[in-house]
PDB file of N, CA and C in Angstrom:
ATOM      1  N   MET A   1      23.274  77.562  26.121  1.00  0.00           N
ATOM      2  CA  MET A   1      23.771  76.275  26.484  1.00  0.00           C
ATOM      3  C   MET A   1      23.184  75.126  25.686  1.00  0.00           C
ATOM      4  N   LEU A   2      22.085  75.405  25.005  1.00  0.00           N
ATOM      5  CA  LEU A   2      21.497  74.325  24.169  1.00  0.00           C
ATOM      6  C   LEU A   2      22.460  73.796  23.138  1.00  0.00           C
ATOM      7  N   PRO A   3      23.150  74.668  22.381  1.00  0.00           N
ATOM      8  CA  PRO A   3      24.152  74.049  21.337  1.00  0.00           C
ATOM      9  C   PRO A   3      25.166  73.142  22.013  1.00  0.00           C
ATOM     10  N   VAL A   4      25.700  73.499  23.154  1.00  0.00           N
ATOM     11  CA  VAL A   4      26.699  72.710  23.813  1.00  0.00           C
ATOM     12  C   VAL A   4      26.078  71.370  24.228  1.00  0.00           C
ATOM     13  N   LEU A   5      24.906  71.439  24.839  1.00  0.00           N
ATOM     14  CA  LEU A   5      24.227  70.221  25.258  1.00  0.00           C
ATOM     15  C   LEU A   5      23.849  69.342  24.039  1.00  0.00           C
ATOM     16  N   ALA A   6      23.333  69.950  23.049  1.00  0.00           N
ATOM     17  CA  ALA A   6      22.894  69.260  21.856  1.00  0.00           C
ATOM     18  C   ALA A   6      24.086  68.510  21.169  1.00  0.00           C
ATOM     19  N   HIS A   7      25.224  69.218  21.088  1.00  0.00           N
ATOM     20  CA  HIS A   7      26.405  68.570  20.525  1.00  0.00           C
ATOM     21  C   HIS A   7      26.965  67.499  21.395  1.00  0.00           C
ATOM     22  N   GLU A   8      26.946  67.740  22.664  1.00  0.00           N
ATOM     23  CA  GLU A   8      27.423  66.731  23.603  1.00  0.00           C
ATOM     24  C   GLU A   8      26.572  65.462  23.532  1.00  0.00           C
ATOM     25  N   ARG A   9      25.356  65.579  23.118  1.00  0.00           N
ATOM     26  CA  ARG A   9      24.400  64.433  23.061  1.00  0.00           C
ATOM     27  C   ARG A   9      24.424  63.813  21.688  1.00  0.00           C
ATOM     28  N   GLY A  10      25.273  64.346  20.800  1.00  0.00           N
ATOM     29  CA  GLY A  10      25.467  63.705  19.494  1.00  0.00           C
ATOM     30  C   GLY A  10      24.500  64.182  18.383  1.00  0.00           C
ATOM     31  N   LEU A  11      23.871  65.318  18.612  1.00  0.00           N
ATOM     32  CA  LEU A  11      22.941  65.833  17.539  1.00  0.00           C
ATOM     33  C   LEU A  11      23.801  66.423  16.449  1.00  0.00           C
ATOM     34  N   PRO A  12      23.400  66.214  15.216  1.00  0.00           N
ATOM     35  CA  PRO A  12      24.222  66.725  14.018  1.00  0.00           C
ATOM     36  C   PRO A  12      24.140  68.262  13.975  1.00  0.00           C
ATOM     37  N   ALA A  13      25.129  68.804  13.353  1.00  0.00           N
ATOM     38  CA  ALA A  13      25.268  70.251  13.254  1.00  0.00           C
ATOM     39  C   ALA A  13      24.039  70.901  12.556  1.00  0.00           C
ATOM     40  N   SER A  14      23.431  70.129  11.604  1.00  0.00           N
ATOM     41  CA  SER A  14      22.262  70.690  10.880  1.00  0.00           C
ATOM     42  C   SER A  14      21.115  70.851  11.847  1.00  0.00           C
ATOM     43  N   VAL A  15      20.936  69.944  12.797  1.00  0.00           N
ATOM     44  CA  VAL A  15      19.864  70.054  13.766  1.00  0.00           C
ATOM     45  C   VAL A  15      20.116  71.229  14.727  1.00  0.00           C
ATOM     46  N   ILE A  16      21.341  71.355  15.128  1.00  0.00           N
ATOM     47  CA  ILE A  16      21.738  72.435  16.063  1.00  0.00           C
ATOM     48  C   ILE A  16      21.535  73.780  15.350  1.00  0.00           C
ATOM     49  N   GLY A  17      21.925  73.816  14.053  1.00  0.00           N
ATOM     50  CA  GLY A  17      21.670  75.021  13.279  1.00  0.00           C
ATOM     51  C   GLY A  17      20.242  75.394  13.154  1.00  0.00           C
ATOM     52  N   THR A  18      19.381  74.384  12.964  1.00  0.00           N
ATOM     53  CA  THR A  18      17.945  74.608  12.854  1.00  0.00           C
ATOM     54  C   THR A  18      17.422  75.186  14.160  1.00  0.00           C
ATOM     55  N   ILE A  19      17.882  74.663  15.261  1.00  0.00           N
ATOM     56  CA  ILE A  19      17.447  75.138  16.558  1.00  0.00           C
ATOM     57  C   ILE A  19      17.939  76.586  16.711  1.00  0.00           C
ATOM     58  N   LEU A  20      19.096  76.874  16.341  1.00  0.00           N
ATOM     59  CA  LEU A  20      19.710  78.186  16.562  1.00  0.00           C
ATOM     60  C   LEU A  20      19.287  79.240  15.517  1.00  0.00           C
ATOM     61  N   GLY A  21      18.432  78.800  14.556  1.00  0.00           N
ATOM     62  CA  GLY A  21      17.864  79.826  13.685  1.00  0.00           C
ATOM     63  C   GLY A  21      17.079  80.923  14.410  1.00  0.00           C
ATOM     64  N   ALA A  22      16.698  80.534  15.681  1.00  0.00           N
ATOM     65  CA  ALA A  22      16.049  81.504  16.551  1.00  0.00           C
ATOM     66  C   ALA A  22      16.919  82.690  16.900  1.00  0.00           C
ATOM     67  N   ALA A  23      18.254  82.516  16.914  1.00  0.00           N
ATOM     68  CA  ALA A  23      19.126  83.657  17.267  1.00  0.00           C
ATOM     69  C   ALA A  23      19.057  84.747  16.204  1.00  0.00           C
ATOM     70  N   LEU A  24      18.992  84.320  14.979  1.00  0.00           N
ATOM     71  CA  LEU A  24      18.910  85.274  13.898  1.00  0.00           C
ATOM     72  C   LEU A  24      17.561  85.996  14.012  1.00  0.00           C
ATOM     73  N   LEU A  25      16.477  85.275  14.237  1.00  0.00           N
ATOM     74  CA  LEU A  25      15.157  85.870  14.357  1.00  0.00           C
ATOM     75  C   LEU A  25      15.122  86.934  15.453  1.00  0.00           C
ATOM     76  N   LEU A  26      15.759  86.570  16.620  1.00  0.00           N
ATOM     77  CA  LEU A  26      15.762  87.557  17.737  1.00  0.00           C
ATOM     78  C   LEU A  26      16.519  88.761  17.349  1.00  0.00           C
ATOM     79  N   GLY A  27      17.543  88.680  16.530  1.00  0.00           N
ATOM     80  CA  GLY A  27      18.375  89.763  16.121  1.00  0.00           C
ATOM     81  C   GLY A  27      17.623  90.734  15.149  1.00  0.00           C
ATOM     82  N   ILE A  28      16.748  90.137  14.271  1.00  0.00           N
ATOM     83  CA  ILE A  28      16.097  90.993  13.274  1.00  0.00           C
ATOM     84  C   ILE A  28      14.738  91.431  13.695  1.00  0.00           C
ATOM     85  N   TYR A  29      14.211  90.834  14.701  1.00  0.00           N
ATOM     86  CA  TYR A  29      12.862  91.162  15.188  1.00  0.00           C
ATOM     87  C   TYR A  29      12.650  92.657  15.443  1.00  0.00           C
ATOM     88  N   PRO A  30      13.574  93.385  16.077  1.00  0.00           N
ATOM     89  CA  PRO A  30      13.343  94.840  16.282  1.00  0.00           C
ATOM     90  C   PRO A  30      13.329  95.635  14.987  1.00  0.00           C
ATOM     91  N   PHE A  31      13.832  95.113  13.887  1.00  0.00           N
ATOM     92  CA  PHE A  31      13.806  95.842  12.632  1.00  0.00           C
ATOM     93  C   PHE A  31      12.521  95.630  11.893  1.00  0.00           C
ATOM     94  N   ARG A  32      11.637  94.775  12.294  1.00  0.00           N
ATOM     95  CA  ARG A  32      10.425  94.532  11.658  1.00  0.00           C
ATOM     96  C   ARG A  32       9.367  95.628  11.987  1.00  0.00           C
ATOM     97  N   PRO A  33       8.963  96.427  11.056  1.00  0.00           N
ATOM     98  CA  PRO A  33       8.181  97.618  11.418  1.00  0.00           C
ATOM     99  C   PRO A  33       6.632  97.276  11.584  1.00  0.00           C
ATOM    100  N   GLY A  34       6.127  96.441  10.810  1.00  0.00           N
ATOM    101  CA  GLY A  34       4.683  96.210  10.808  1.00  0.00           C
ATOM    102  C   GLY A  34       4.249  94.958  11.579  1.00  0.00           C
ATOM    103  N   ALA A  35       2.950  94.840  11.810  1.00  0.00           N
ATOM    104  CA  ALA A  35       2.416  93.693  12.529  1.00  0.00           C
ATOM    105  C   ALA A  35       2.615  92.416  11.761  1.00  0.00           C
ATOM    106  N   GLY A  36       2.414  92.413  10.437  1.00  0.00           N
ATOM    107  CA  GLY A  36       2.634  91.211   9.626  1.00  0.00           C
ATOM    108  C   GLY A  36       4.039  90.688   9.679  1.00  0.00           C
ATOM    109  N   ALA A  37       5.005  91.578   9.557  1.00  0.00           N
ATOM    110  CA  ALA A  37       6.417  91.183   9.621  1.00  0.00           C
ATOM    111  C   ALA A  37       6.773  90.667  11.006  1.00  0.00           C
ATOM    112  N   MET A  38       6.258  91.299  12.070  1.00  0.00           N
ATOM    113  CA  MET A  38       6.494  90.814  13.384  1.00  0.00           C
ATOM    114  C   MET A  38       5.834  89.478  13.639  1.00  0.00           C
ATOM    115  N   ALA A  39       4.685  89.269  13.104  1.00  0.00           N
ATOM    116  CA  ALA A  39       3.935  87.987  13.211  1.00  0.00           C
ATOM    117  C   ALA A  39       4.718  86.869  12.528  1.00  0.00           C
ATOM    118  N   SER A  40       5.286  87.212  11.295  1.00  0.00           N
ATOM    119  CA  SER A  40       6.073  86.152  10.605  1.00  0.00           C
ATOM    120  C   SER A  40       7.242  85.760  11.413  1.00  0.00           C
ATOM    121  N   CYS A  41       7.919  86.720  12.056  1.00  0.00           N
ATOM    122  CA  CYS A  41       9.018  86.434  12.961  1.00  0.00           C
ATOM    123  C   CYS A  41       8.615  85.501  14.100  1.00  0.00           C
ATOM    124  N   SER A  42       7.457  85.815  14.664  1.00  0.00           N
ATOM    125  CA  SER A  42       6.911  85.089  15.753  1.00  0.00           C
ATOM    126  C   SER A  42       6.578  83.613  15.355  1.00  0.00           C
ATOM    127  N   VAL A  43       6.065  83.467  14.186  1.00  0.00           N
ATOM    128  CA  VAL A  43       5.740  82.122  13.660  1.00  0.00           C
ATOM    129  C   VAL A  43       7.015  81.342  13.442  1.00  0.00           C
ATOM    130  N   LEU A  44       8.009  81.921  12.857  1.00  0.00           N
ATOM    131  CA  LEU A  44       9.296  81.226  12.598  1.00  0.00           C
ATOM    132  C   LEU A  44      10.026  80.905  13.959  1.00  0.00           C
ATOM    133  N   LEU A  45       9.895  81.800  14.897  1.00  0.00           N
ATOM    134  CA  LEU A  45      10.492  81.600  16.203  1.00  0.00           C
ATOM    135  C   LEU A  45       9.778  80.476  16.894  1.00  0.00           C
ATOM    136  N   GLY A  46       8.475  80.424  16.788  1.00  0.00           N
ATOM    137  CA  GLY A  46       7.703  79.344  17.383  1.00  0.00           C
ATOM    138  C   GLY A  46       8.006  77.986  16.773  1.00  0.00           C
ATOM    139  N   ILE A  47       8.242  77.972  15.498  1.00  0.00           N
ATOM    140  CA  ILE A  47       8.600  76.730  14.800  1.00  0.00           C
ATOM    141  C   ILE A  47       9.989  76.249  15.299  1.00  0.00           C
ATOM    142  N   ALA A  48      10.915  77.213  15.354  1.00  0.00           N
ATOM    143  CA  ALA A  48      12.300  76.871  15.747  1.00  0.00           C
ATOM    144  C   ALA A  48      12.283  76.360  17.246  1.00  0.00           C
ATOM    145  N   MET A  49      11.552  77.051  18.053  1.00  0.00           N
ATOM    146  CA  MET A  49      11.537  76.648  19.500  1.00  0.00           C
ATOM    147  C   MET A  49      10.731  75.369  19.682  1.00  0.00           C
ATOM    148  N   GLY A  50       9.707  75.205  18.869  1.00  0.00           N
ATOM    149  CA  GLY A  50       8.866  74.029  19.001  1.00  0.00           C
ATOM    150  C   GLY A  50       9.580  72.746  18.572  1.00  0.00           C
ATOM    151  N   THR A  51      10.576  72.846  17.735  1.00  0.00           N
ATOM    152  CA  THR A  51      11.372  71.632  17.377  1.00  0.00           C
ATOM    153  C   THR A  51      12.304  71.169  18.455  1.00  0.00           C
ATOM    154  N   VAL A  52      12.556  72.063  19.489  1.00  0.00           N
ATOM    155  CA  VAL A  52      13.484  71.697  20.482  1.00  0.00           C
ATOM    156  C   VAL A  52      12.896  70.724  21.466  1.00  0.00           C
ATOM    157  N   GLN A  53      11.623  70.878  21.806  1.00  0.00           N
ATOM    158  CA  GLN A  53      11.024  70.027  22.892  1.00  0.00           C
ATOM    159  C   GLN A  53      11.129  68.547  22.627  1.00  0.00           C
ATOM    160  N   PRO A  54      10.761  68.041  21.425  1.00  0.00           N
ATOM    161  CA  PRO A  54      10.952  66.632  21.213  1.00  0.00           C
ATOM    162  C   PRO A  54      12.397  66.120  21.334  1.00  0.00           C
ATOM    163  N   MET A  55      13.343  66.978  20.882  1.00  0.00           N
ATOM    164  CA  MET A  55      14.782  66.555  20.991  1.00  0.00           C
ATOM    165  C   MET A  55      15.210  66.503  22.443  1.00  0.00           C
ATOM    166  N   VAL A  56      14.730  67.465  23.245  1.00  0.00           N
ATOM    167  CA  VAL A  56      15.100  67.527  24.676  1.00  0.00           C
ATOM    168  C   VAL A  56      14.555  66.303  25.352  1.00  0.00           C
ATOM    169  N   MET A  57      13.243  65.985  25.083  1.00  0.00           N
ATOM    170  CA  MET A  57      12.618  64.846  25.710  1.00  0.00           C
ATOM    171  C   MET A  57      13.282  63.546  25.325  1.00  0.00           C
ATOM    172  N   SER A  58      13.620  63.427  24.086  1.00  0.00           N
ATOM    173  CA  SER A  58      14.284  62.225  23.551  1.00  0.00           C
ATOM    174  C   SER A  58      15.681  62.084  24.212  1.00  0.00           C
ATOM    175  N   THR A  59      16.431  63.168  24.269  1.00  0.00           N
ATOM    176  CA  THR A  59      17.723  63.136  24.895  1.00  0.00           C
ATOM    177  C   THR A  59      17.681  62.814  26.337  1.00  0.00           C
ATOM    178  N   MET A  60      16.681  63.417  27.004  1.00  0.00           N
ATOM    179  CA  MET A  60      16.531  63.154  28.415  1.00  0.00           C
ATOM    180  C   MET A  60      16.223  61.634  28.662  1.00  0.00           C
ATOM    181  N   HIS A  61      15.337  61.050  27.909  1.00  0.00           N
ATOM    182  CA  HIS A  61      14.993  59.687  28.042  1.00  0.00           C
ATOM    183  C   HIS A  61      16.229  58.734  27.766  1.00  0.00           C
ATOM    184  N   ARG A  62      17.059  59.162  26.824  1.00  0.00           N
ATOM    185  CA  ARG A  62      18.253  58.339  26.569  1.00  0.00           C
ATOM    186  C   ARG A  62      19.293  58.392  27.694  1.00  0.00           C
ATOM    187  N   LEU A  63      19.436  59.587  28.293  1.00  0.00           N
ATOM    188  CA  LEU A  63      20.443  59.834  29.286  1.00  0.00           C
ATOM    189  C   LEU A  63      20.090  59.490  30.701  1.00  0.00           C
ATOM    190  N   VAL A  64      18.847  59.648  31.062  1.00  0.00           N
ATOM    191  CA  VAL A  64      18.445  59.427  32.465  1.00  0.00           C
ATOM    192  C   VAL A  64      18.114  57.990  32.641  1.00  0.00           C
ATOM    193  N   PRO A  65      18.526  57.448  33.743  1.00  0.00           N
ATOM    194  CA  PRO A  65      18.061  56.011  34.019  1.00  0.00           C
ATOM    195  C   PRO A  65      16.577  55.902  34.093  1.00  0.00           C
ATOM    196  N   GLU A  66      16.090  54.785  33.669  1.00  0.00           N
ATOM    197  CA  GLU A  66      14.614  54.599  33.547  1.00  0.00           C
ATOM    198  C   GLU A  66      13.847  54.925  34.810  1.00  0.00           C
ATOM    199  N   HIS A  67      14.448  54.536  35.942  1.00  0.00           N
ATOM    200  CA  HIS A  67      13.727  54.760  37.226  1.00  0.00           C
ATOM    201  C   HIS A  67      13.712  56.239  37.659  1.00  0.00           C
ATOM    202  N   ARG A  68      14.442  57.105  36.943  1.00  0.00           N
ATOM    203  CA  ARG A  68      14.516  58.545  37.205  1.00  0.00           C
ATOM    204  C   ARG A  68      13.795  59.390  36.181  1.00  0.00           C
ATOM    205  N   HIS A  69      13.133  58.821  35.181  1.00  0.00           N
ATOM    206  CA  HIS A  69      12.441  59.554  34.133  1.00  0.00           C
ATOM    207  C   HIS A  69      11.413  60.522  34.777  1.00  0.00           C
ATOM    208  N   GLY A  70      10.669  60.185  35.672  1.00  0.00           N
ATOM    209  CA  GLY A  70       9.657  61.018  36.317  1.00  0.00           C
ATOM    210  C   GLY A  70      10.324  62.215  36.988  1.00  0.00           C
ATOM    211  N   HIS A  71      11.414  61.931  37.687  1.00  0.00           N
ATOM    212  CA  HIS A  71      12.187  63.060  38.330  1.00  0.00           C
ATOM    213  C   HIS A  71      12.707  64.064  37.288  1.00  0.00           C
ATOM    214  N   ALA A  72      13.189  63.551  36.234  1.00  0.00           N
ATOM    215  CA  ALA A  72      13.844  64.402  35.194  1.00  0.00           C
ATOM    216  C   ALA A  72      12.707  65.236  34.513  1.00  0.00           C
ATOM    217  N   ILE A  73      11.573  64.605  34.211  1.00  0.00           N
ATOM    218  CA  ILE A  73      10.482  65.413  33.580  1.00  0.00           C
ATOM    219  C   ILE A  73       9.994  66.423  34.568  1.00  0.00           C
ATOM    220  N   ALA A  74       9.886  66.055  35.883  1.00  0.00           N
ATOM    221  CA  ALA A  74       9.435  67.054  36.868  1.00  0.00           C
ATOM    222  C   ALA A  74      10.401  68.257  36.969  1.00  0.00           C
ATOM    223  N   MET A  75      11.649  67.995  36.966  1.00  0.00           N
ATOM    224  CA  MET A  75      12.685  69.082  37.064  1.00  0.00           C
ATOM    225  C   MET A  75      12.600  69.969  35.828  1.00  0.00           C
ATOM    226  N   ARG A  76      12.355  69.350  34.667  1.00  0.00           N
ATOM    227  CA  ARG A  76      12.244  70.176  33.426  1.00  0.00           C
ATOM    228  C   ARG A  76      11.024  71.032  33.519  1.00  0.00           C
ATOM    229  N   LEU A  77       9.923  70.522  33.980  1.00  0.00           N
ATOM    230  CA  LEU A  77       8.685  71.300  34.069  1.00  0.00           C
ATOM    231  C   LEU A  77       8.864  72.445  35.097  1.00  0.00           C
ATOM    232  N   ILE A  78       9.516  72.123  36.176  1.00  0.00           N
ATOM    233  CA  ILE A  78       9.757  73.177  37.170  1.00  0.00           C
ATOM    234  C   ILE A  78      10.589  74.297  36.562  1.00  0.00           C
ATOM    235  N   ALA A  79      11.660  73.984  35.808  1.00  0.00           N
ATOM    236  CA  ALA A  79      12.465  75.029  35.172  1.00  0.00           C
ATOM    237  C   ALA A  79      11.733  75.751  34.155  1.00  0.00           C
ATOM    238  N   VAL A  80      10.866  75.116  33.334  1.00  0.00           N
ATOM    239  CA  VAL A  80      10.097  75.761  32.309  1.00  0.00           C
ATOM    240  C   VAL A  80       9.069  76.750  32.968  1.00  0.00           C
ATOM    241  N   ASN A  81       8.376  76.259  33.986  1.00  0.00           N
ATOM    242  CA  ASN A  81       7.332  77.099  34.610  1.00  0.00           C
ATOM    243  C   ASN A  81       7.943  78.257  35.428  1.00  0.00           C
ATOM    244  N   LEU A  82       9.035  78.005  36.024  1.00  0.00           N
ATOM    245  CA  LEU A  82       9.752  79.044  36.797  1.00  0.00           C
ATOM    246  C   LEU A  82      10.244  80.201  35.799  1.00  0.00           C
ATOM    247  N   SER A  83      10.763  79.744  34.699  1.00  0.00           N
ATOM    248  CA  SER A  83      11.215  80.748  33.678  1.00  0.00           C
ATOM    249  C   SER A  83      10.088  81.465  33.108  1.00  0.00           C
ATOM    250  N   SER A  84       8.898  80.787  33.027  1.00  0.00           N
ATOM    251  CA  SER A  84       7.714  81.458  32.461  1.00  0.00           C
ATOM    252  C   SER A  84       7.228  82.589  33.375  1.00  0.00           C
ATOM    253  N   VAL A  85       7.522  82.482  34.653  1.00  0.00           N
ATOM    254  CA  VAL A  85       7.132  83.474  35.592  1.00  0.00           C
ATOM    255  C   VAL A  85       8.215  84.598  35.723  1.00  0.00           C
ATOM    256  N   THR A  86       9.484  84.202  35.794  1.00  0.00           N
ATOM    257  CA  THR A  86      10.531  85.132  36.074  1.00  0.00           C
ATOM    258  C   THR A  86      11.053  85.851  34.835  1.00  0.00           C
ATOM    259  N   MET A  87      11.091  85.207  33.686  1.00  0.00           N
ATOM    260  CA  MET A  87      11.690  85.865  32.558  1.00  0.00           C
ATOM    261  C   MET A  87      10.936  87.075  32.072  1.00  0.00           C
ATOM    262  N   PRO A  88       9.594  87.070  32.055  1.00  0.00           N
ATOM    263  CA  PRO A  88       8.902  88.313  31.671  1.00  0.00           C
ATOM    264  C   PRO A  88       9.216  89.470  32.552  1.00  0.00           C
ATOM    265  N   MET A  89       9.360  89.195  33.873  1.00  0.00           N
ATOM    266  CA  MET A  89       9.695  90.264  34.802  1.00  0.00           C
ATOM    267  C   MET A  89      11.127  90.761  34.575  1.00  0.00           C
ATOM    268  N   VAL A  90      12.038  89.876  34.352  1.00  0.00           N
ATOM    269  CA  VAL A  90      13.430  90.247  34.105  1.00  0.00           C
ATOM    270  C   VAL A  90      13.540  91.029  32.821  1.00  0.00           C
ATOM    271  N   PHE A  91      12.907  90.529  31.773  1.00  0.00           N
ATOM    272  CA  PHE A  91      12.948  91.233  30.493  1.00  0.00           C
ATOM    273  C   PHE A  91      12.219  92.549  30.506  1.00  0.00           C
ATOM    274  N   GLY A  92      11.178  92.631  31.287  1.00  0.00           N
ATOM    275  CA  GLY A  92      10.461  93.902  31.475  1.00  0.00           C
ATOM    276  C   GLY A  92      11.305  94.942  32.082  1.00  0.00           C
ATOM    277  N   VAL A  93      11.983  94.533  33.147  1.00  0.00           N
ATOM    278  CA  VAL A  93      12.934  95.527  33.816  1.00  0.00           C
ATOM    279  C   VAL A  93      14.042  95.924  32.919  1.00  0.00           C
ATOM    280  N   ALA A  94      14.656  94.918  32.222  1.00  0.00           N
ATOM    281  CA  ALA A  94      15.701  95.200  31.321  1.00  0.00           C
ATOM    282  C   ALA A  94      15.226  96.084  30.132  1.00  0.00           C
ATOM    283  N   GLY A  95      14.025  95.842  29.709  1.00  0.00           N
ATOM    284  CA  GLY A  95      13.469  96.674  28.634  1.00  0.00           C
ATOM    285  C   GLY A  95      13.250  98.139  29.053  1.00  0.00           C
ATOM    286  N   LEU A  96      12.855  98.294  30.305  1.00  0.00           N
ATOM    287  CA  LEU A  96      12.689  99.742  30.804  1.00  0.00           C
ATOM    288  C   LEU A  96      14.066 100.409  30.861  1.00  0.00           C
ATOM    289  N   ASP A  97      15.081  99.708  31.312  1.00  0.00           N
ATOM    290  CA  ASP A  97      16.410 100.265  31.478  1.00  0.00           C
ATOM    291  C   ASP A  97      17.170 100.454  30.184  1.00  0.00           C
ATOM    292  N   LEU A  98      17.109  99.386  29.379  1.00  0.00           N
ATOM    293  CA  LEU A  98      17.968  99.369  28.148  1.00  0.00           C
ATOM    294  C   LEU A  98      17.189  99.602  26.848  1.00  0.00           C
ATOM    295  N   GLY A  99      15.921  99.509  26.877  1.00  0.00           N
ATOM    296  CA  GLY A  99      15.099  99.592  25.707  1.00  0.00           C
ATOM    297  C   GLY A  99      14.747  98.259  25.168  1.00  0.00           C
ATOM    298  N   VAL A 100      13.604  98.119  24.469  1.00  0.00           N
ATOM    299  CA  VAL A 100      13.126  96.808  24.047  1.00  0.00           C
ATOM    300  C   VAL A 100      14.040  96.223  22.980  1.00  0.00           C
ATOM    301  N   LYS A 101      14.538  97.095  22.069  1.00  0.00           N
ATOM    302  CA  LYS A 101      15.402  96.544  21.020  1.00  0.00           C
ATOM    303  C   LYS A 101      16.649  95.854  21.617  1.00  0.00           C
ATOM    304  N   ALA A 102      17.219  96.502  22.682  1.00  0.00           N
ATOM    305  CA  ALA A 102      18.380  95.965  23.318  1.00  0.00           C
ATOM    306  C   ALA A 102      18.146  94.566  23.896  1.00  0.00           C
ATOM    307  N   VAL A 103      16.980  94.335  24.483  1.00  0.00           N
ATOM    308  CA  VAL A 103      16.662  92.999  25.047  1.00  0.00           C
ATOM    309  C   VAL A 103      16.641  91.932  23.952  1.00  0.00           C
ATOM    310  N   PHE A 104      16.052  92.267  22.789  1.00  0.00           N
ATOM    311  CA  PHE A 104      16.100  91.305  21.684  1.00  0.00           C
ATOM    312  C   PHE A 104      17.490  91.030  21.182  1.00  0.00           C
ATOM    313  N   TRP A 105      18.288  92.044  21.135  1.00  0.00           N
ATOM    314  CA  TRP A 105      19.663  91.909  20.621  1.00  0.00           C
ATOM    315  C   TRP A 105      20.554  91.123  21.640  1.00  0.00           C
ATOM    316  N   ILE A 106      20.296  91.364  22.901  1.00  0.00           N
ATOM    317  CA  ILE A 106      21.072  90.619  23.927  1.00  0.00           C
ATOM    318  C   ILE A 106      20.650  89.124  23.870  1.00  0.00           C
ATOM    319  N   MET A 107      19.409  88.875  23.705  1.00  0.00           N
ATOM    320  CA  MET A 107      18.945  87.459  23.661  1.00  0.00           C
ATOM    321  C   MET A 107      19.543  86.846  22.393  1.00  0.00           C
ATOM    322  N   GLY A 108      19.438  87.533  21.236  1.00  0.00           N
ATOM    323  CA  GLY A 108      20.020  86.954  19.998  1.00  0.00           C
ATOM    324  C   GLY A 108      21.535  86.738  20.091  1.00  0.00           C
ATOM    325  N   THR A 109      22.195  87.647  20.728  1.00  0.00           N
ATOM    326  CA  THR A 109      23.663  87.512  20.907  1.00  0.00           C
ATOM    327  C   THR A 109      23.988  86.285  21.816  1.00  0.00           C
ATOM    328  N   ALA A 110      23.183  86.173  22.915  1.00  0.00           N
ATOM    329  CA  ALA A 110      23.436  85.022  23.818  1.00  0.00           C
ATOM    330  C   ALA A 110      23.215  83.735  23.142  1.00  0.00           C
ATOM    331  N   VAL A 111      22.138  83.581  22.366  1.00  0.00           N
ATOM    332  CA  VAL A 111      21.892  82.368  21.606  1.00  0.00           C
ATOM    333  C   VAL A 111      22.998  82.104  20.544  1.00  0.00           C
ATOM    334  N   GLY A 112      23.337  83.222  19.855  1.00  0.00           N
ATOM    335  CA  GLY A 112      24.442  83.083  18.834  1.00  0.00           C
ATOM    336  C   GLY A 112      25.745  82.621  19.448  1.00  0.00           C
ATOM    337  N   CYS A 113      26.105  83.243  20.596  1.00  0.00           N
ATOM    338  CA  CYS A 113      27.367  82.817  21.261  1.00  0.00           C
ATOM    339  C   CYS A 113      27.344  81.376  21.701  1.00  0.00           C
ATOM    340  N   GLY A 114      26.159  80.894  22.040  1.00  0.00           N
ATOM    341  CA  GLY A 114      25.981  79.526  22.436  1.00  0.00           C
ATOM    342  C   GLY A 114      26.309  78.615  21.247  1.00  0.00           C
ATOM    343  N   SER A 115      25.865  79.060  20.078  1.00  0.00           N
ATOM    344  CA  SER A 115      26.148  78.224  18.856  1.00  0.00           C
ATOM    345  C   SER A 115      27.667  78.164  18.556  1.00  0.00           C
ATOM    346  N   ARG A 116      28.280  79.318  18.695  1.00  0.00           N
ATOM    347  CA  ARG A 116      29.726  79.391  18.498  1.00  0.00           C
ATOM    348  C   ARG A 116      30.443  78.416  19.445  1.00  0.00           C
ATOM    349  N   ILE A 117      30.087  78.427  20.690  1.00  0.00           N
ATOM    350  CA  ILE A 117      30.693  77.510  21.656  1.00  0.00           C
ATOM    351  C   ILE A 117      30.416  76.075  21.321  1.00  0.00           C
ATOM    352  N   ALA A 118      29.247  75.786  20.834  1.00  0.00           N
ATOM    353  CA  ALA A 118      28.873  74.410  20.458  1.00  0.00           C
ATOM    354  C   ALA A 118      29.776  73.889  19.350  1.00  0.00           C
ATOM    355  N   PHE A 119      29.930  74.772  18.259  1.00  0.00           N
ATOM    356  CA  PHE A 119      30.757  74.339  17.168  1.00  0.00           C
ATOM    357  C   PHE A 119      32.198  74.175  17.518  1.00  0.00           C
ATOM    358  N   GLN A 120      32.707  75.056  18.437  1.00  0.00           N
ATOM    359  CA  GLN A 120      34.067  74.881  18.914  1.00  0.00           C
ATOM    360  C   GLN A 120      34.233  73.599  19.712  1.00  0.00           C
ATOM    361  N   HIS A 121      33.229  73.296  20.521  1.00  0.00           N
ATOM    362  CA  HIS A 121      33.181  72.102  21.335  1.00  0.00           C
ATOM    363  C   HIS A 121      33.183  70.851  20.360  1.00  0.00           C
ATOM    364  N   ARG A 122      32.401  70.989  19.366  1.00  0.00           N
ATOM    365  CA  ARG A 122      32.293  69.873  18.365  1.00  0.00           C
ATOM    366  C   ARG A 122      33.681  69.654  17.697  1.00  0.00           C
ATOM    367  N   ALA A 123      34.354  70.696  17.347  1.00  0.00           N
ATOM    368  CA  ALA A 123      35.687  70.510  16.692  1.00  0.00           C
ATOM    369  C   ALA A 123      36.656  69.795  17.624  1.00  0.00           C
ATOM    370  N   VAL A 124      36.633  70.184  18.873  1.00  0.00           N
ATOM    371  CA  VAL A 124      37.540  69.530  19.851  1.00  0.00           C
ATOM    372  C   VAL A 124      37.209  68.063  19.987  1.00  0.00           C
ATOM    373  N   LEU A 125      35.910  67.719  20.076  1.00  0.00           N
ATOM    374  CA  LEU A 125      35.504  66.304  20.195  1.00  0.00           C
ATOM    375  C   LEU A 125      35.879  65.522  18.924  1.00  0.00           C
ATOM    376  N   LEU A 126      35.741  66.128  17.747  1.00  0.00           N
ATOM    377  CA  LEU A 126      36.038  65.450  16.531  1.00  0.00           C
ATOM    378  C   LEU A 126      37.566  65.154  16.433  1.00  0.00           C
ATOM    379  N   GLU A 127      38.368  66.099  16.966  1.00  0.00           N
ATOM    380  CA  GLU A 127      39.870  65.890  16.947  1.00  0.00           C
ATOM    381  C   GLU A 127      40.250  64.704  17.815  1.00  0.00           C
ATOM    382  N   LYS A 128      39.464  64.502  18.865  1.00  0.00           N
ATOM    383  CA  LYS A 128      39.849  63.391  19.844  1.00  0.00           C
ATOM    384  C   LYS A 128      39.471  62.035  19.295  1.00  0.00           C
ATOM    385  N   THR A 129      38.503  61.995  18.331  1.00  0.00           N
ATOM    386  CA  THR A 129      38.104  60.731  17.793  1.00  0.00           C
ATOM    387  C   THR A 129      38.844  60.259  16.637  1.00  0.00           C
TER     388      THR A 129
END
């Protein structure tokens, strides 16, 4: 959903593409055999994900009325912390049933599909203007 939201908020395609570089990393992560190669993927994934937070906060401050900034930040923190607790459990169960590689490929596919939707959405918006 990030690509759709980012496009809706007017972020350029290059920024969205930078954010979505994580989809490629998730797809190739299972093919990395050694600790060094896996660590390099982790570093790149961390950089890609780390660039998202400032953009989300900036977008949130632009869109949310000033008197609701505290509420919006609180809801974001609740979602982040809730996902920090639930996602490892969900992925652990999925990894047991499907295998660890499948979990990475599913996540990469989900993020990649989001980028496709974002670019389709962008094309429709550009046609209207």
